Amino acid sequence: MAILPIVTYNDPILLERTESVKENSDELQELIDDMFETMYNAAGVGLAAPQIGQKLQLFVMDADPMTEDSDQLDLGPMVMINPEIVSTGGELVGYEEGCLSIPEVRDEVRRPERVELKWLNREFEERQQEFTGWVSRVIQHEYDHLQGKLFLDHLSAFRRRLHRKKLSTIDAGDLPCNYPLVPRQT
């Protein structure tokens, strides 16, 4: 397994829609292993393929650290291939989010409390399930990456301007980080 560098928010790949994964392969399984290794190394709870420069409908997650003090069941590491949101619902809940591609930037994002997702698991078996709470939030955040959206896109123009200085530091490649980053090449 390898720890892969994570692209920063200003990389064009994070603004593009991803392409479906066509088949299971040894290369795909290796990529999944590398994504988990990268996510855990960066102390993240989710990582989407575009964040490591891959334009694939794929994300990995392990929201268990977020649910430790709640009544949610631990689901362990999960692989979501070609996910589709079937429905969302419930109250819009605001909570502070961050992103491994935008280190040191956090802000409140309002998301539906419930999401129903259809996806292929690591073995390419179709699954469909409803998720709530933290798991729902992580899924919606990572799914956004596959649609070319960042959590910043959910903020008002005013809230985005408040982060301008830190974003400029990321743009310049001057932000110290505990995991490998690949700033956009100019």
N, C-alpha and C. Protein backbone atom coordinates (compact mmCIF):
# COMPACT_ATOMS: atom_id res chain seq x y z
N MET A 1 0.84 -1.18 0.00
CA MET A 1 0.00 0.00 0.00
C MET A 1 0.88 1.24 0.00
N ALA A 2 0.34 2.31 -0.55
CA ALA A 2 1.09 3.56 -0.65
C ALA A 2 0.24 4.72 -0.15
N ILE A 3 0.90 5.70 0.42
CA ILE A 3 0.24 6.94 0.78
C ILE A 3 0.36 7.87 -0.42
N LEU A 4 -0.77 8.29 -0.94
CA LEU A 4 -0.81 9.12 -2.14
C LEU A 4 -0.93 10.59 -1.76
N PRO A 5 -0.34 11.49 -2.55
CA PRO A 5 -0.54 12.91 -2.28
C PRO A 5 -1.97 13.33 -2.61
N ILE A 6 -2.48 14.24 -1.83
CA ILE A 6 -3.85 14.74 -2.00
C ILE A 6 -3.78 16.08 -2.73
N VAL A 7 -4.60 16.21 -3.77
CA VAL A 7 -4.61 17.46 -4.53
C VAL A 7 -5.37 18.53 -3.74
N THR A 8 -4.95 19.77 -3.90
CA THR A 8 -5.59 20.86 -3.18
C THR A 8 -6.82 21.37 -3.92
N TYR A 9 -7.61 22.15 -3.21
CA TYR A 9 -8.94 22.59 -3.66
C TYR A 9 -8.92 23.27 -5.03
N ASN A 10 -7.80 23.87 -5.42
CA ASN A 10 -7.75 24.64 -6.65
C ASN A 10 -7.35 23.81 -7.88
N ASP A 11 -7.23 22.51 -7.72
CA ASP A 11 -6.91 21.64 -8.85
C ASP A 11 -8.17 21.43 -9.68
N PRO A 12 -8.08 21.60 -11.00
CA PRO A 12 -9.27 21.47 -11.86
C PRO A 12 -10.00 20.13 -11.74
N ILE A 13 -9.29 19.06 -11.39
CA ILE A 13 -9.96 17.75 -11.31
C ILE A 13 -11.06 17.76 -10.24
N LEU A 14 -10.92 18.60 -9.22
CA LEU A 14 -11.93 18.66 -8.17
C LEU A 14 -13.19 19.41 -8.60
N LEU A 15 -13.14 20.02 -9.76
CA LEU A 15 -14.30 20.76 -10.28
C LEU A 15 -15.00 20.00 -11.40
N GLU A 16 -14.54 18.80 -11.69
CA GLU A 16 -15.10 18.02 -12.79
C GLU A 16 -15.95 16.87 -12.26
N ARG A 17 -16.95 16.49 -13.06
CA ARG A 17 -17.73 15.29 -12.74
C ARG A 17 -16.86 14.07 -13.05
N THR A 18 -17.05 13.04 -12.27
CA THR A 18 -16.25 11.83 -12.43
C THR A 18 -16.91 10.85 -13.39
N GLU A 19 -16.15 9.83 -13.75
CA GLU A 19 -16.63 8.80 -14.67
C GLU A 19 -16.84 7.49 -13.91
N SER A 20 -17.82 6.72 -14.35
CA SER A 20 -18.13 5.48 -13.65
C SER A 20 -16.99 4.47 -13.78
N VAL A 21 -16.88 3.65 -12.76
CA VAL A 21 -15.91 2.56 -12.75
C VAL A 21 -16.54 1.42 -13.52
N LYS A 22 -15.86 0.95 -14.57
CA LYS A 22 -16.44 -0.05 -15.48
C LYS A 22 -16.29 -1.48 -15.00
N GLU A 23 -15.17 -1.78 -14.35
CA GLU A 23 -14.93 -3.18 -13.95
C GLU A 23 -14.04 -3.26 -12.73
N ASN A 24 -14.15 -4.36 -12.05
CA ASN A 24 -13.27 -4.66 -10.95
C ASN A 24 -11.95 -5.15 -11.52
N SER A 25 -10.86 -4.82 -10.86
CA SER A 25 -9.54 -5.23 -11.34
C SER A 25 -8.55 -5.20 -10.18
N ASP A 26 -7.41 -5.82 -10.39
CA ASP A 26 -6.36 -5.75 -9.37
C ASP A 26 -5.93 -4.30 -9.16
N GLU A 27 -5.88 -3.51 -10.24
CA GLU A 27 -5.48 -2.12 -10.14
C GLU A 27 -6.49 -1.33 -9.29
N LEU A 28 -7.78 -1.59 -9.49
CA LEU A 28 -8.80 -0.92 -8.71
C LEU A 28 -8.65 -1.29 -7.23
N GLN A 29 -8.47 -2.55 -6.93
CA GLN A 29 -8.32 -2.99 -5.54
C GLN A 29 -7.09 -2.37 -4.90
N GLU A 30 -6.02 -2.24 -5.65
CA GLU A 30 -4.81 -1.59 -5.14
C GLU A 30 -5.08 -0.10 -4.87
N LEU A 31 -5.80 0.54 -5.79
CA LEU A 31 -6.16 1.94 -5.60
C LEU A 31 -7.00 2.12 -4.34
N ILE A 32 -7.95 1.23 -4.12
CA ILE A 32 -8.79 1.29 -2.91
C ILE A 32 -7.93 1.16 -1.66
N ASP A 33 -7.01 0.20 -1.65
CA ASP A 33 -6.10 0.04 -0.50
C ASP A 33 -5.29 1.31 -0.27
N ASP A 34 -4.77 1.89 -1.36
CA ASP A 34 -3.98 3.11 -1.25
C ASP A 34 -4.83 4.28 -0.74
N MET A 35 -6.09 4.33 -1.18
CA MET A 35 -6.97 5.40 -0.71
C MET A 35 -7.23 5.29 0.79
N PHE A 36 -7.46 4.09 1.28
CA PHE A 36 -7.63 3.92 2.73
C PHE A 36 -6.36 4.32 3.47
N GLU A 37 -5.22 3.87 3.00
CA GLU A 37 -3.95 4.20 3.62
C GLU A 37 -3.75 5.72 3.66
N THR A 38 -4.06 6.37 2.56
CA THR A 38 -3.93 7.83 2.46
C THR A 38 -4.89 8.53 3.41
N MET A 39 -6.14 8.09 3.43
CA MET A 39 -7.15 8.69 4.30
C MET A 39 -6.76 8.57 5.77
N TYR A 40 -6.37 7.37 6.19
CA TYR A 40 -6.00 7.17 7.59
C TYR A 40 -4.75 7.97 7.95
N ASN A 41 -3.77 8.04 7.04
CA ASN A 41 -2.56 8.80 7.28
C ASN A 41 -2.87 10.28 7.50
N ALA A 42 -3.87 10.79 6.80
CA ALA A 42 -4.25 12.20 6.91
C ALA A 42 -5.28 12.44 8.01
N ALA A 43 -5.61 11.40 8.77
CA ALA A 43 -6.61 11.48 9.84
C ALA A 43 -7.97 11.93 9.31
N GLY A 44 -8.32 11.45 8.13
CA GLY A 44 -9.61 11.76 7.53
C GLY A 44 -10.61 10.66 7.79
N VAL A 45 -11.88 10.95 7.49
CA VAL A 45 -12.94 9.95 7.62
C VAL A 45 -13.53 9.59 6.25
N GLY A 46 -13.06 10.27 5.21
CA GLY A 46 -13.51 9.99 3.86
C GLY A 46 -12.50 10.52 2.86
N LEU A 47 -12.45 9.89 1.69
CA LEU A 47 -11.54 10.33 0.63
C LEU A 47 -12.14 9.90 -0.70
N ALA A 48 -12.31 10.86 -1.59
CA ALA A 48 -12.86 10.59 -2.92
C ALA A 48 -11.72 10.51 -3.94
N ALA A 49 -11.93 9.70 -4.96
CA ALA A 49 -10.90 9.49 -5.99
C ALA A 49 -10.37 10.79 -6.59
N PRO A 50 -11.21 11.79 -6.88
CA PRO A 50 -10.65 13.03 -7.44
C PRO A 50 -9.61 13.70 -6.53
N GLN A 51 -9.71 13.46 -5.24
CA GLN A 51 -8.77 14.07 -4.30
C GLN A 51 -7.36 13.51 -4.44
N ILE A 52 -7.24 12.39 -5.11
CA ILE A 52 -5.91 11.84 -5.39
C ILE A 52 -5.65 11.83 -6.89
N GLY A 53 -6.39 12.68 -7.60
CA GLY A 53 -6.15 12.87 -9.02
C GLY A 53 -6.79 11.86 -9.94
N GLN A 54 -7.73 11.07 -9.43
CA GLN A 54 -8.40 10.04 -10.24
C GLN A 54 -9.84 10.47 -10.53
N LYS A 55 -10.21 10.51 -11.79
CA LYS A 55 -11.54 10.99 -12.19
C LYS A 55 -12.53 9.82 -12.20
N LEU A 56 -12.67 9.15 -11.05
CA LEU A 56 -13.51 7.96 -10.92
C LEU A 56 -14.61 8.17 -9.90
N GLN A 57 -15.75 7.52 -10.13
CA GLN A 57 -16.85 7.54 -9.17
C GLN A 57 -16.55 6.52 -8.07
N LEU A 58 -15.75 6.94 -7.15
CA LEU A 58 -15.27 6.06 -6.09
C LEU A 58 -14.89 6.91 -4.88
N PHE A 59 -15.37 6.48 -3.71
CA PHE A 59 -14.84 7.05 -2.49
C PHE A 59 -14.78 5.98 -1.42
N VAL A 60 -13.90 6.21 -0.46
CA VAL A 60 -13.76 5.33 0.70
C VAL A 60 -14.08 6.17 1.93
N MET A 61 -14.54 5.49 2.96
CA MET A 61 -14.86 6.20 4.20
C MET A 61 -14.80 5.26 5.39
N ASP A 62 -14.58 5.87 6.53
CA ASP A 62 -14.67 5.17 7.81
C ASP A 62 -15.10 6.21 8.83
N ALA A 63 -16.41 6.35 9.00
CA ALA A 63 -16.97 7.39 9.86
C ALA A 63 -17.03 6.96 11.33
N ASP A 64 -16.54 5.78 11.65
CA ASP A 64 -16.63 5.30 13.04
C ASP A 64 -16.05 6.28 14.06
N PRO A 65 -14.91 6.96 13.78
CA PRO A 65 -14.42 7.92 14.78
C PRO A 65 -15.41 9.05 15.06
N MET A 66 -16.27 9.38 14.11
CA MET A 66 -17.24 10.45 14.28
C MET A 66 -18.45 9.98 15.10
N THR A 67 -18.69 8.69 15.15
CA THR A 67 -19.89 8.17 15.80
C THR A 67 -19.63 7.55 17.17
N GLU A 68 -18.39 7.67 17.66
CA GLU A 68 -18.03 7.02 18.92
C GLU A 68 -18.94 7.40 20.09
N ASP A 69 -19.32 8.67 20.15
CA ASP A 69 -20.12 9.15 21.28
C ASP A 69 -21.59 9.28 20.93
N SER A 70 -22.04 8.49 19.97
CA SER A 70 -23.45 8.55 19.57
C SER A 70 -24.05 7.15 19.63
N ASP A 71 -25.32 7.08 19.30
CA ASP A 71 -25.98 5.78 19.29
C ASP A 71 -25.93 5.12 17.90
N GLN A 72 -25.16 5.70 16.98
CA GLN A 72 -25.03 5.10 15.65
C GLN A 72 -24.14 3.86 15.71
N LEU A 73 -24.50 2.88 14.92
CA LEU A 73 -23.70 1.67 14.84
C LEU A 73 -22.42 1.92 14.08
N ASP A 74 -21.35 1.28 14.50
CA ASP A 74 -20.10 1.35 13.75
C ASP A 74 -20.26 0.53 12.48
N LEU A 75 -19.89 1.12 11.36
CA LEU A 75 -19.99 0.42 10.07
C LEU A 75 -18.63 -0.02 9.56
N GLY A 76 -17.57 0.52 10.14
CA GLY A 76 -16.23 0.18 9.70
C GLY A 76 -15.91 0.81 8.35
N PRO A 77 -14.78 0.41 7.78
CA PRO A 77 -14.38 0.96 6.49
C PRO A 77 -15.37 0.55 5.40
N MET A 78 -15.72 1.52 4.55
CA MET A 78 -16.68 1.26 3.47
C MET A 78 -16.12 1.79 2.15
N VAL A 79 -16.43 1.07 1.09
CA VAL A 79 -16.06 1.46 -0.27
C VAL A 79 -17.34 1.71 -1.04
N MET A 80 -17.42 2.87 -1.69
CA MET A 80 -18.59 3.24 -2.48
C MET A 80 -18.15 3.44 -3.93
N ILE A 81 -18.56 2.52 -4.79
CA ILE A 81 -18.23 2.59 -6.22
C ILE A 81 -19.50 2.94 -6.99
N ASN A 82 -19.40 3.90 -7.89
CA ASN A 82 -20.53 4.36 -8.71
C ASN A 82 -21.77 4.66 -7.86
N PRO A 83 -21.60 5.44 -6.78
CA PRO A 83 -22.75 5.72 -5.91
C PRO A 83 -23.78 6.61 -6.59
N GLU A 84 -25.03 6.39 -6.21
CA GLU A 84 -26.15 7.23 -6.66
C GLU A 84 -26.99 7.57 -5.45
N ILE A 85 -27.28 8.84 -5.27
CA ILE A 85 -28.19 9.23 -4.20
C ILE A 85 -29.60 8.96 -4.69
N VAL A 86 -30.31 8.08 -3.97
CA VAL A 86 -31.69 7.73 -4.28
C VAL A 86 -32.63 8.80 -3.75
N SER A 87 -32.37 9.24 -2.51
CA SER A 87 -33.18 10.29 -1.92
C SER A 87 -32.44 10.90 -0.74
N THR A 88 -32.87 12.10 -0.38
CA THR A 88 -32.41 12.74 0.85
C THR A 88 -33.66 13.22 1.57
N GLY A 89 -33.54 13.45 2.85
CA GLY A 89 -34.71 13.93 3.57
C GLY A 89 -34.38 14.32 4.98
N GLY A 90 -35.42 14.72 5.66
CA GLY A 90 -35.26 15.16 7.04
C GLY A 90 -34.88 16.62 7.08
N GLU A 91 -34.62 17.04 8.27
CA GLU A 91 -34.26 18.44 8.53
C GLU A 91 -32.88 18.75 7.96
N LEU A 92 -32.67 19.99 7.52
CA LEU A 92 -31.33 20.44 7.14
C LEU A 92 -30.57 20.71 8.43
N VAL A 93 -29.43 20.05 8.59
CA VAL A 93 -28.65 20.16 9.81
C VAL A 93 -27.31 20.81 9.48
N GLY A 94 -26.97 21.84 10.22
CA GLY A 94 -25.70 22.51 10.04
C GLY A 94 -24.64 21.93 10.95
N TYR A 95 -23.47 21.72 10.39
CA TYR A 95 -22.35 21.27 11.19
C TYR A 95 -21.07 21.68 10.49
N GLU A 96 -20.03 21.90 11.27
CA GLU A 96 -18.75 22.32 10.72
C GLU A 96 -18.10 21.17 9.95
N GLU A 97 -17.68 21.46 8.73
CA GLU A 97 -17.00 20.48 7.89
C GLU A 97 -15.62 21.00 7.51
N GLY A 98 -14.77 20.07 7.20
CA GLY A 98 -13.45 20.36 6.65
C GLY A 98 -13.22 19.41 5.51
N CYS A 99 -12.07 19.52 4.87
CA CYS A 99 -11.77 18.68 3.72
C CYS A 99 -10.26 18.49 3.63
N LEU A 100 -9.83 17.28 3.34
CA LEU A 100 -8.39 17.02 3.23
C LEU A 100 -7.76 17.82 2.09
N SER A 101 -8.54 18.22 1.08
CA SER A 101 -8.02 19.02 -0.02
C SER A 101 -8.00 20.51 0.31
N ILE A 102 -8.54 20.88 1.45
CA ILE A 102 -8.58 22.28 1.87
C ILE A 102 -8.14 22.33 3.34
N PRO A 103 -6.90 21.97 3.63
CA PRO A 103 -6.48 21.88 5.03
C PRO A 103 -6.61 23.20 5.76
N GLU A 104 -6.94 23.10 7.04
CA GLU A 104 -7.04 24.24 7.94
C GLU A 104 -8.24 25.15 7.67
N VAL A 105 -9.14 24.76 6.76
CA VAL A 105 -10.33 25.55 6.49
C VAL A 105 -11.54 24.72 6.91
N ARG A 106 -12.36 25.33 7.76
CA ARG A 106 -13.56 24.65 8.24
C ARG A 106 -14.69 25.67 8.27
N ASP A 107 -15.91 25.20 8.02
CA ASP A 107 -17.07 26.08 8.10
C ASP A 107 -18.32 25.23 8.19
N GLU A 108 -19.40 25.88 8.63
CA GLU A 108 -20.66 25.16 8.78
C GLU A 108 -21.33 24.94 7.42
N VAL A 109 -21.75 23.71 7.20
CA VAL A 109 -22.49 23.34 6.00
C VAL A 109 -23.80 22.70 6.45
N ARG A 110 -24.89 23.10 5.81
CA ARG A 110 -26.20 22.53 6.11
C ARG A 110 -26.50 21.43 5.10
N ARG A 111 -26.81 20.25 5.61
CA ARG A 111 -27.11 19.10 4.76
C ARG A 111 -28.34 18.37 5.31
N PRO A 112 -29.06 17.66 4.43
CA PRO A 112 -30.18 16.84 4.91
C PRO A 112 -29.66 15.80 5.90
N GLU A 113 -30.46 15.51 6.92
CA GLU A 113 -30.02 14.57 7.96
C GLU A 113 -30.04 13.11 7.49
N ARG A 114 -30.71 12.86 6.35
CA ARG A 114 -30.84 11.48 5.89
C ARG A 114 -30.48 11.41 4.41
N VAL A 115 -29.80 10.32 4.03
CA VAL A 115 -29.51 10.05 2.63
C VAL A 115 -29.70 8.56 2.37
N GLU A 116 -30.33 8.24 1.25
CA GLU A 116 -30.42 6.85 0.81
C GLU A 116 -29.51 6.71 -0.40
N LEU A 117 -28.64 5.74 -0.36
CA LEU A 117 -27.61 5.58 -1.38
C LEU A 117 -27.66 4.20 -1.99
N LYS A 118 -27.43 4.15 -3.30
CA LYS A 118 -27.24 2.89 -4.02
C LYS A 118 -25.81 2.92 -4.54
N TRP A 119 -25.07 1.80 -4.40
CA TRP A 119 -23.66 1.77 -4.80
C TRP A 119 -23.22 0.33 -5.01
N LEU A 120 -22.02 0.19 -5.54
CA LEU A 120 -21.34 -1.10 -5.60
C LEU A 120 -20.31 -1.12 -4.49
N ASN A 121 -20.24 -2.23 -3.77
CA ASN A 121 -19.22 -2.33 -2.73
C ASN A 121 -17.90 -2.79 -3.36
N ARG A 122 -16.93 -3.04 -2.53
CA ARG A 122 -15.60 -3.42 -3.02
C ARG A 122 -15.63 -4.68 -3.88
N GLU A 123 -16.56 -5.59 -3.60
CA GLU A 123 -16.67 -6.84 -4.36
C GLU A 123 -17.57 -6.68 -5.59
N PHE A 124 -17.96 -5.43 -5.88
CA PHE A 124 -18.84 -5.10 -7.01
C PHE A 124 -20.24 -5.68 -6.83
N GLU A 125 -20.67 -5.80 -5.57
CA GLU A 125 -22.03 -6.22 -5.26
C GLU A 125 -22.86 -4.96 -5.04
N GLU A 126 -24.07 -4.95 -5.62
CA GLU A 126 -24.92 -3.78 -5.47
C GLU A 126 -25.52 -3.73 -4.07
N ARG A 127 -25.51 -2.52 -3.51
CA ARG A 127 -26.06 -2.27 -2.19
C ARG A 127 -26.96 -1.05 -2.25
N GLN A 128 -27.91 -1.00 -1.34
CA GLN A 128 -28.74 0.19 -1.17
C GLN A 128 -29.09 0.28 0.31
N GLN A 129 -28.93 1.47 0.87
CA GLN A 129 -29.14 1.62 2.31
C GLN A 129 -29.41 3.08 2.62
N GLU A 130 -30.16 3.31 3.69
CA GLU A 130 -30.38 4.66 4.20
C GLU A 130 -29.40 4.91 5.34
N PHE A 131 -28.84 6.11 5.36
CA PHE A 131 -27.89 6.50 6.39
C PHE A 131 -28.35 7.81 7.02
N THR A 132 -28.03 7.98 8.29
CA THR A 132 -28.37 9.20 9.01
C THR A 132 -27.14 9.69 9.76
N GLY A 133 -27.27 10.85 10.38
CA GLY A 133 -26.23 11.37 11.25
C GLY A 133 -24.91 11.61 10.54
N TRP A 134 -23.84 11.31 11.25
CA TRP A 134 -22.50 11.56 10.73
C TRP A 134 -22.23 10.81 9.44
N VAL A 135 -22.69 9.57 9.37
CA VAL A 135 -22.43 8.77 8.18
C VAL A 135 -23.09 9.42 6.97
N SER A 136 -24.31 9.91 7.14
CA SER A 136 -25.00 10.61 6.06
C SER A 136 -24.19 11.83 5.61
N ARG A 137 -23.68 12.59 6.55
CA ARG A 137 -22.90 13.79 6.23
C ARG A 137 -21.63 13.43 5.46
N VAL A 138 -20.91 12.42 5.91
CA VAL A 138 -19.68 12.03 5.23
C VAL A 138 -20.00 11.57 3.80
N ILE A 139 -21.05 10.78 3.65
CA ILE A 139 -21.44 10.31 2.32
C ILE A 139 -21.76 11.50 1.42
N GLN A 140 -22.55 12.45 1.91
CA GLN A 140 -22.92 13.59 1.07
C GLN A 140 -21.71 14.44 0.70
N HIS A 141 -20.79 14.60 1.63
CA HIS A 141 -19.56 15.37 1.37
C HIS A 141 -18.73 14.68 0.28
N GLU A 142 -18.51 13.38 0.42
CA GLU A 142 -17.70 12.66 -0.56
C GLU A 142 -18.41 12.56 -1.91
N TYR A 143 -19.72 12.37 -1.87
CA TYR A 143 -20.50 12.33 -3.12
C TYR A 143 -20.36 13.65 -3.87
N ASP A 144 -20.37 14.76 -3.14
CA ASP A 144 -20.16 16.06 -3.78
C ASP A 144 -18.86 16.07 -4.59
N HIS A 145 -17.80 15.49 -4.04
CA HIS A 145 -16.52 15.45 -4.78
C HIS A 145 -16.70 14.77 -6.14
N LEU A 146 -17.53 13.75 -6.20
CA LEU A 146 -17.73 13.03 -7.46
C LEU A 146 -18.53 13.86 -8.45
N GLN A 147 -19.21 14.89 -7.96
CA GLN A 147 -20.00 15.78 -8.81
C GLN A 147 -19.25 17.08 -9.13
N GLY A 148 -18.00 17.17 -8.71
CA GLY A 148 -17.22 18.37 -8.96
C GLY A 148 -17.54 19.51 -8.02
N LYS A 149 -17.99 19.17 -6.81
CA LYS A 149 -18.34 20.19 -5.82
C LYS A 149 -17.47 20.04 -4.57
N LEU A 150 -17.21 21.16 -3.93
CA LEU A 150 -16.50 21.19 -2.67
C LEU A 150 -17.42 21.75 -1.59
N PHE A 151 -17.08 21.54 -0.33
CA PHE A 151 -17.94 22.07 0.72
C PHE A 151 -17.99 23.59 0.65
N LEU A 152 -16.96 24.22 0.10
CA LEU A 152 -16.96 25.68 -0.08
C LEU A 152 -18.13 26.14 -0.96
N ASP A 153 -18.55 25.28 -1.89
CA ASP A 153 -19.65 25.63 -2.79
C ASP A 153 -20.98 25.76 -2.06
N HIS A 154 -21.06 25.24 -0.84
CA HIS A 154 -22.28 25.33 -0.04
C HIS A 154 -22.31 26.61 0.80
N LEU A 155 -21.21 27.36 0.78
CA LEU A 155 -21.12 28.56 1.60
C LEU A 155 -21.56 29.80 0.82
N SER A 156 -21.98 30.80 1.55
CA SER A 156 -22.31 32.08 0.92
C SER A 156 -21.01 32.73 0.44
N ALA A 157 -21.14 33.70 -0.46
CA ALA A 157 -19.97 34.43 -0.95
C ALA A 157 -19.24 35.09 0.22
N PHE A 158 -20.00 35.61 1.18
CA PHE A 158 -19.40 36.23 2.35
C PHE A 158 -18.56 35.22 3.14
N ARG A 159 -19.12 34.04 3.39
CA ARG A 159 -18.38 33.02 4.16
C ARG A 159 -17.12 32.57 3.40
N ARG A 160 -17.20 32.45 2.08
CA ARG A 160 -16.02 32.07 1.28
C ARG A 160 -14.94 33.15 1.39
N ARG A 161 -15.35 34.43 1.35
CA ARG A 161 -14.37 35.52 1.46
C ARG A 161 -13.63 35.47 2.80
N LEU A 162 -14.30 35.02 3.83
CA LEU A 162 -13.64 34.93 5.14
C LEU A 162 -12.46 33.95 5.12
N HIS A 163 -12.46 33.03 4.18
CA HIS A 163 -11.39 32.02 4.09
C HIS A 163 -10.33 32.39 3.05
N ARG A 164 -10.45 33.57 2.45
CA ARG A 164 -9.57 33.97 1.35
C ARG A 164 -8.08 33.88 1.71
N LYS A 165 -7.70 34.33 2.90
CA LYS A 165 -6.29 34.34 3.29
C LYS A 165 -5.72 32.91 3.34
N LYS A 166 -6.45 32.01 3.99
CA LYS A 166 -5.96 30.61 4.06
C LYS A 166 -5.94 29.97 2.68
N LEU A 167 -6.95 30.28 1.85
CA LEU A 167 -6.97 29.72 0.49
C LEU A 167 -5.79 30.25 -0.32
N SER A 168 -5.41 31.50 -0.10
CA SER A 168 -4.23 32.06 -0.78
C SER A 168 -2.96 31.35 -0.35
N THR A 169 -2.90 31.00 0.93
CA THR A 169 -1.74 30.25 1.43
C THR A 169 -1.66 28.87 0.78
N ILE A 170 -2.83 28.23 0.62
CA ILE A 170 -2.86 26.94 -0.07
C ILE A 170 -2.45 27.13 -1.52
N ASP A 171 -2.97 28.18 -2.18
CA ASP A 171 -2.63 28.47 -3.57
C ASP A 171 -1.11 28.61 -3.76
N ALA A 172 -0.47 29.25 -2.79
CA ALA A 172 0.97 29.49 -2.87
C ALA A 172 1.78 28.25 -2.49
N GLY A 173 1.10 27.21 -2.00
CA GLY A 173 1.82 26.00 -1.58
C GLY A 173 2.58 26.18 -0.29
N ASP A 174 2.18 27.18 0.52
CA ASP A 174 2.91 27.51 1.74
C ASP A 174 2.25 27.00 3.02
N LEU A 175 1.20 26.23 2.90
CA LEU A 175 0.51 25.76 4.09
C LEU A 175 1.18 24.50 4.62
N PRO A 176 1.70 24.55 5.86
CA PRO A 176 2.27 23.32 6.42
C PRO A 176 1.16 22.30 6.66
N CYS A 177 1.45 21.08 6.34
CA CYS A 177 0.44 20.03 6.46
C CYS A 177 1.11 18.73 6.90
N ASN A 178 0.37 17.90 7.64
CA ASN A 178 0.92 16.65 8.16
C ASN A 178 0.83 15.49 7.17
N TYR A 179 0.34 15.75 5.98
CA TYR A 179 0.24 14.70 4.96
C TYR A 179 0.62 15.31 3.61
N PRO A 180 1.00 14.45 2.67
CA PRO A 180 1.48 14.99 1.38
C PRO A 180 0.35 15.62 0.56
N LEU A 181 0.62 16.85 0.09
CA LEU A 181 -0.31 17.60 -0.75
C LEU A 181 0.33 17.87 -2.11
N VAL A 182 -0.49 18.02 -3.11
CA VAL A 182 -0.03 18.42 -4.42
C VAL A 182 -0.78 19.70 -4.78
N PRO A 183 -0.14 20.86 -4.54
CA PRO A 183 -0.80 22.10 -4.93
C PRO A 183 -0.89 22.19 -6.44
N ARG A 184 -1.88 22.91 -6.92
CA ARG A 184 -2.06 23.10 -8.35
C ARG A 184 -0.82 23.71 -8.96
N GLN A 185 -0.39 23.16 -10.06
CA GLN A 185 0.78 23.69 -10.76
C GLN A 185 0.35 24.86 -11.62
N THR A 186 1.04 25.99 -11.51
CA THR A 186 0.69 27.16 -12.32
C THR A 186 1.68 27.36 -13.45
